Structure formats: structure tokens, C-alpha cells
Amino acid sequence: MGRWAIPLRVRVSMLWLSEKTTSNQRLILYIRQRAQHEILFLMIDGRKPGNKRKSK
């Protein structure tokens, strides 16, 4: 079950992306950036909690 969770989600999101690229491009970019930022923030927060802003 754990094996199928990620590929299925990726597949669905790719399908959804190909269907409505222009209309949801901004939303998808926002979600992806938000998720990456949260992961980065968690990693940074685990080491040094004071450093929130990390310029890319």
C-alpha cells in the first residue's frame, strides 16, 4: 500500500496537470513551492530554529 501511494499520486497529479495546465498553473506552482518550503523549513528548523528565511 505504501509503495503505491506516491506513484499513484504523482500519476494523478500529472494527469490533472496535462488536463488543466493553463487554468491551474499558478495554483499548482503555489502548492509545489509551499510543499518544498515546508520541507525545507522542517529541515532547517530541526538544525537551527532561528534561521527561517533561506534565500534560494
PDB file of N, CA and C in Angstrom:
ATOM      1  N   MET A   1       0.835  -1.199   0.000  1.00  0.00           N
ATOM      2  CA  MET A   1       0.000   0.000   0.000  1.00  0.00           C
ATOM      3  C   MET A   1       0.874   1.254   0.000  1.00  0.00           C
ATOM      4  N   GLY A   2       1.874   1.253   0.868  1.00  0.00           N
ATOM      5  CA  GLY A   2       2.776   2.402   0.927  1.00  0.00           C
ATOM      6  C   GLY A   2       3.535   2.593  -0.375  1.00  0.00           C
ATOM      7  N   ARG A   3       3.770   1.475  -1.050  1.00  0.00           N
ATOM      8  CA  ARG A   3       4.502   1.548  -2.308  1.00  0.00           C
ATOM      9  C   ARG A   3       3.699   2.277  -3.379  1.00  0.00           C
ATOM     10  N   TRP A   4       2.396   2.031  -3.402  1.00  0.00           N
ATOM     11  CA  TRP A   4       1.567   2.570  -4.482  1.00  0.00           C
ATOM     12  C   TRP A   4       1.159   4.013  -4.234  1.00  0.00           C
ATOM     13  N   ALA A   5       1.239   4.453  -2.977  1.00  0.00           N
ATOM     14  CA  ALA A   5       0.688   5.763  -2.606  1.00  0.00           C
ATOM     15  C   ALA A   5       1.324   6.881  -3.415  1.00  0.00           C
ATOM     16  N   ILE A   6       2.662   6.933  -3.437  1.00  0.00           N
ATOM     17  CA  ILE A   6       3.325   8.070  -4.073  1.00  0.00           C
ATOM     18  C   ILE A   6       3.190   8.023  -5.598  1.00  0.00           C
ATOM     19  N   PRO A   7       3.515   6.893  -6.257  1.00  0.00           N
ATOM     20  CA  PRO A   7       3.396   6.863  -7.720  1.00  0.00           C
ATOM     21  C   PRO A   7       1.984   7.172  -8.200  1.00  0.00           C
ATOM     22  N   LEU A   8       0.992   6.672  -7.486  1.00  0.00           N
ATOM     23  CA  LEU A   8      -0.391   6.914  -7.879  1.00  0.00           C
ATOM     24  C   LEU A   8      -0.694   8.405  -7.793  1.00  0.00           C
ATOM     25  N   ARG A   9      -0.249   9.023  -6.707  1.00  0.00           N
ATOM     26  CA  ARG A   9      -0.497  10.450  -6.533  1.00  0.00           C
ATOM     27  C   ARG A   9       0.208  11.251  -7.622  1.00  0.00           C
ATOM     28  N   VAL A  10       1.444  10.855  -7.921  1.00  0.00           N
ATOM     29  CA  VAL A  10       2.198  11.555  -8.975  1.00  0.00           C
ATOM     30  C   VAL A  10       1.490  11.391 -10.311  1.00  0.00           C
ATOM     31  N   ARG A  11       1.017  10.179 -10.573  1.00  0.00           N
ATOM     32  CA  ARG A  11       0.349   9.899 -11.837  1.00  0.00           C
ATOM     33  C   ARG A  11      -0.925  10.744 -11.961  1.00  0.00           C
ATOM     34  N   VAL A  12      -1.696  10.775 -10.881  1.00  0.00           N
ATOM     35  CA  VAL A  12      -2.949  11.536 -10.892  1.00  0.00           C
ATOM     36  C   VAL A  12      -2.660  13.020 -11.084  1.00  0.00           C
ATOM     37  N   SER A  13      -1.646  13.522 -10.353  1.00  0.00           N
ATOM     38  CA  SER A  13      -1.329  14.946 -10.455  1.00  0.00           C
ATOM     39  C   SER A  13      -0.843  15.278 -11.860  1.00  0.00           C
ATOM     40  N   MET A  14      -0.079  14.374 -12.476  1.00  0.00           N
ATOM     41  CA  MET A  14       0.402  14.602 -13.842  1.00  0.00           C
ATOM     42  C   MET A  14      -0.771  14.627 -14.807  1.00  0.00           C
ATOM     43  N   LEU A  15      -1.709  13.706 -14.619  1.00  0.00           N
ATOM     44  CA  LEU A  15      -2.893  13.662 -15.472  1.00  0.00           C
ATOM     45  C   LEU A  15      -3.688  14.951 -15.318  1.00  0.00           C
ATOM     46  N   TRP A  16      -3.857  15.361 -14.064  1.00  0.00           N
ATOM     47  CA  TRP A  16      -4.602  16.578 -13.774  1.00  0.00           C
ATOM     48  C   TRP A  16      -3.883  17.782 -14.371  1.00  0.00           C
ATOM     49  N   LEU A  17      -2.545  17.744 -14.319  1.00  0.00           N
ATOM     50  CA  LEU A  17      -1.745  18.836 -14.872  1.00  0.00           C
ATOM     51  C   LEU A  17      -1.954  18.920 -16.382  1.00  0.00           C
ATOM     52  N   SER A  18      -1.878  17.781 -17.054  1.00  0.00           N
ATOM     53  CA  SER A  18      -1.987  17.785 -18.512  1.00  0.00           C
ATOM     54  C   SER A  18      -3.382  18.226 -18.945  1.00  0.00           C
ATOM     55  N   GLU A  19      -4.381  17.948 -18.102  1.00  0.00           N
ATOM     56  CA  GLU A  19      -5.744  18.334 -18.459  1.00  0.00           C
ATOM     57  C   GLU A  19      -5.959  19.835 -18.348  1.00  0.00           C
ATOM     58  N   LYS A  20      -5.580  20.408 -17.193  1.00  0.00           N
ATOM     59  CA  LYS A  20      -5.837  21.830 -16.968  1.00  0.00           C
ATOM     60  C   LYS A  20      -4.543  22.546 -16.636  1.00  0.00           C
ATOM     61  N   THR A  21      -3.676  22.677 -17.615  1.00  0.00           N
ATOM     62  CA  THR A  21      -2.378  23.284 -17.341  1.00  0.00           C
ATOM     63  C   THR A  21      -2.523  24.793 -17.167  1.00  0.00           C
ATOM     64  N   THR A  22      -3.166  25.437 -18.132  1.00  0.00           N
ATOM     65  CA  THR A  22      -3.192  26.897 -18.146  1.00  0.00           C
ATOM     66  C   THR A  22      -4.021  27.453 -16.995  1.00  0.00           C
ATOM     67  N   SER A  23      -5.120  26.793 -16.663  1.00  0.00           N
ATOM     68  CA  SER A  23      -6.035  27.342 -15.660  1.00  0.00           C
ATOM     69  C   SER A  23      -5.496  27.161 -14.243  1.00  0.00           C
ATOM     70  N   ASN A  24      -4.776  26.072 -14.008  1.00  0.00           N
ATOM     71  CA  ASN A  24      -4.338  25.781 -12.645  1.00  0.00           C
ATOM     72  C   ASN A  24      -2.832  25.893 -12.470  1.00  0.00           C
ATOM     73  N   GLN A  25      -2.145  26.474 -13.455  1.00  0.00           N
ATOM     74  CA  GLN A  25      -0.691  26.536 -13.386  1.00  0.00           C
ATOM     75  C   GLN A  25      -0.233  27.303 -12.149  1.00  0.00           C
ATOM     76  N   ARG A  26      -0.894  28.436 -11.905  1.00  0.00           N
ATOM     77  CA  ARG A  26      -0.484  29.263 -10.773  1.00  0.00           C
ATOM     78  C   ARG A  26      -0.724  28.521  -9.457  1.00  0.00           C
ATOM     79  N   LEU A  27      -1.875  27.856  -9.373  1.00  0.00           N
ATOM     80  CA  LEU A  27      -2.213  27.130  -8.147  1.00  0.00           C
ATOM     81  C   LEU A  27      -1.237  25.982  -7.905  1.00  0.00           C
ATOM     82  N   ILE A  28      -0.913  25.255  -8.968  1.00  0.00           N
ATOM     83  CA  ILE A  28      -0.001  24.122  -8.832  1.00  0.00           C
ATOM     84  C   ILE A  28       1.379  24.609  -8.411  1.00  0.00           C
ATOM     85  N   LEU A  29       1.841  25.685  -9.045  1.00  0.00           N
ATOM     86  CA  LEU A  29       3.142  26.231  -8.675  1.00  0.00           C
ATOM     87  C   LEU A  29       3.134  26.642  -7.219  1.00  0.00           C
ATOM     88  N   TYR A  30       2.041  27.275  -6.785  1.00  0.00           N
ATOM     89  CA  TYR A  30       1.935  27.710  -5.395  1.00  0.00           C
ATOM     90  C   TYR A  30       2.004  26.513  -4.448  1.00  0.00           C
ATOM     91  N   ILE A  31       1.265  25.454  -4.782  1.00  0.00           N
ATOM     92  CA  ILE A  31       1.247  24.267  -3.910  1.00  0.00           C
ATOM     93  C   ILE A  31       2.631  23.638  -3.859  1.00  0.00           C
ATOM     94  N   ARG A  32       3.276  23.523  -5.018  1.00  0.00           N
ATOM     95  CA  ARG A  32       4.594  22.885  -5.061  1.00  0.00           C
ATOM     96  C   ARG A  32       5.613  23.693  -4.268  1.00  0.00           C
ATOM     97  N   GLN A  33       5.583  25.027  -4.474  1.00  0.00           N
ATOM     98  CA  GLN A  33       6.519  25.880  -3.743  1.00  0.00           C
ATOM     99  C   GLN A  33       6.252  25.797  -2.245  1.00  0.00           C
ATOM    100  N   ARG A  34       4.967  25.763  -1.890  1.00  0.00           N
ATOM    101  CA  ARG A  34       4.599  25.701  -0.477  1.00  0.00           C
ATOM    102  C   ARG A  34       5.116  24.402   0.145  1.00  0.00           C
ATOM    103  N   ALA A  35       4.924  23.296  -0.577  1.00  0.00           N
ATOM    104  CA  ALA A  35       5.370  22.000  -0.050  1.00  0.00           C
ATOM    105  C   ALA A  35       6.886  21.976   0.106  1.00  0.00           C
ATOM    106  N   GLN A  36       7.602  22.469  -0.903  1.00  0.00           N
ATOM    107  CA  GLN A  36       9.061  22.496  -0.832  1.00  0.00           C
ATOM    108  C   GLN A  36       9.511  23.372   0.321  1.00  0.00           C
ATOM    109  N   HIS A  37       8.843  24.510   0.487  1.00  0.00           N
ATOM    110  CA  HIS A  37       9.222  25.428   1.559  1.00  0.00           C
ATOM    111  C   HIS A  37       8.989  24.786   2.916  1.00  0.00           C
ATOM    112  N   GLU A  38       7.887  24.055   3.052  1.00  0.00           N
ATOM    113  CA  GLU A  38       7.590  23.410   4.333  1.00  0.00           C
ATOM    114  C   GLU A  38       8.646  22.350   4.644  1.00  0.00           C
ATOM    115  N   ILE A  39       9.041  21.561   3.635  1.00  0.00           N
ATOM    116  CA  ILE A  39      10.062  20.537   3.847  1.00  0.00           C
ATOM    117  C   ILE A  39      11.385  21.199   4.221  1.00  0.00           C
ATOM    118  N   LEU A  40      11.739  22.254   3.486  1.00  0.00           N
ATOM    119  CA  LEU A  40      12.977  22.972   3.759  1.00  0.00           C
ATOM    120  C   LEU A  40      12.938  23.553   5.154  1.00  0.00           C
ATOM    121  N   PHE A  41      11.781  24.120   5.500  1.00  0.00           N
ATOM    122  CA  PHE A  41      11.640  24.755   6.811  1.00  0.00           C
ATOM    123  C   PHE A  41      11.788  23.719   7.915  1.00  0.00           C
ATOM    124  N   LEU A  42      11.199  22.545   7.711  1.00  0.00           N
ATOM    125  CA  LEU A  42      11.306  21.487   8.717  1.00  0.00           C
ATOM    126  C   LEU A  42      12.761  21.057   8.875  1.00  0.00           C
ATOM    127  N   MET A  43      13.460  20.908   7.756  1.00  0.00           N
ATOM    128  CA  MET A  43      14.867  20.500   7.814  1.00  0.00           C
ATOM    129  C   MET A  43      15.691  21.557   8.534  1.00  0.00           C
ATOM    130  N   ILE A  44      15.459  22.816   8.172  1.00  0.00           N
ATOM    131  CA  ILE A  44      16.223  23.908   8.786  1.00  0.00           C
ATOM    132  C   ILE A  44      15.843  24.027  10.260  1.00  0.00           C
ATOM    133  N   ASP A  45      14.552  23.892  10.535  1.00  0.00           N
ATOM    134  CA  ASP A  45      14.067  24.045  11.898  1.00  0.00           C
ATOM    135  C   ASP A  45      14.658  22.968  12.803  1.00  0.00           C
ATOM    136  N   GLY A  46      14.912  21.796  12.234  1.00  0.00           N
ATOM    137  CA  GLY A  46      15.490  20.715  13.023  1.00  0.00           C
ATOM    138  C   GLY A  46      16.913  21.032  13.460  1.00  0.00           C
ATOM    139  N   ARG A  47      17.646  21.776  12.631  1.00  0.00           N
ATOM    140  CA  ARG A  47      19.042  22.102  12.942  1.00  0.00           C
ATOM    141  C   ARG A  47      19.147  23.422  13.688  1.00  0.00           C
ATOM    142  N   LYS A  48      18.671  24.503  13.045  1.00  0.00           N
ATOM    143  CA  LYS A  48      18.737  25.817  13.690  1.00  0.00           C
ATOM    144  C   LYS A  48      17.388  26.506  13.579  1.00  0.00           C
ATOM    145  N   PRO A  49      16.627  26.543  14.635  1.00  0.00           N
ATOM    146  CA  PRO A  49      15.261  27.073  14.624  1.00  0.00           C
ATOM    147  C   PRO A  49      15.196  28.567  14.298  1.00  0.00           C
ATOM    148  N   GLY A  50      16.261  29.303  14.497  1.00  0.00           N
ATOM    149  CA  GLY A  50      16.205  30.748  14.282  1.00  0.00           C
ATOM    150  C   GLY A  50      16.255  31.124  12.807  1.00  0.00           C
ATOM    151  N   ASN A  51      16.801  30.264  11.977  1.00  0.00           N
ATOM    152  CA  ASN A  51      17.020  30.606  10.569  1.00  0.00           C
ATOM    153  C   ASN A  51      15.803  30.216   9.748  1.00  0.00           C
ATOM    154  N   LYS A  52      14.861  31.145   9.578  1.00  0.00           N
ATOM    155  CA  LYS A  52      13.650  30.827   8.819  1.00  0.00           C
ATOM    156  C   LYS A  52      13.818  31.181   7.350  1.00  0.00           C
ATOM    157  N   ARG A  53      14.364  32.368   7.084  1.00  0.00           N
ATOM    158  CA  ARG A  53      14.482  32.833   5.694  1.00  0.00           C
ATOM    159  C   ARG A  53      15.763  32.291   5.079  1.00  0.00           C
ATOM    160  N   LYS A  54      15.580  31.444   4.081  1.00  0.00           N
ATOM    161  CA  LYS A  54      16.740  30.916   3.360  1.00  0.00           C
ATOM    162  C   LYS A  54      16.566  31.260   1.887  1.00  0.00           C
ATOM    163  N   SER A  55      17.291  32.240   1.415  1.00  0.00           N
ATOM    164  CA  SER A  55      17.142  32.681   0.021  1.00  0.00           C
ATOM    165  C   SER A  55      17.719  31.638  -0.916  1.00  0.00           C
ATOM    166  N   LYS A  56      16.967  31.376  -1.990  1.00  0.00           N
ATOM    167  CA  LYS A  56      17.406  30.350  -2.943  1.00  0.00           C
ATOM    168  C   LYS A  56      18.291  30.988  -3.990  1.00  0.00           C
TER     169      LYS A  56
END
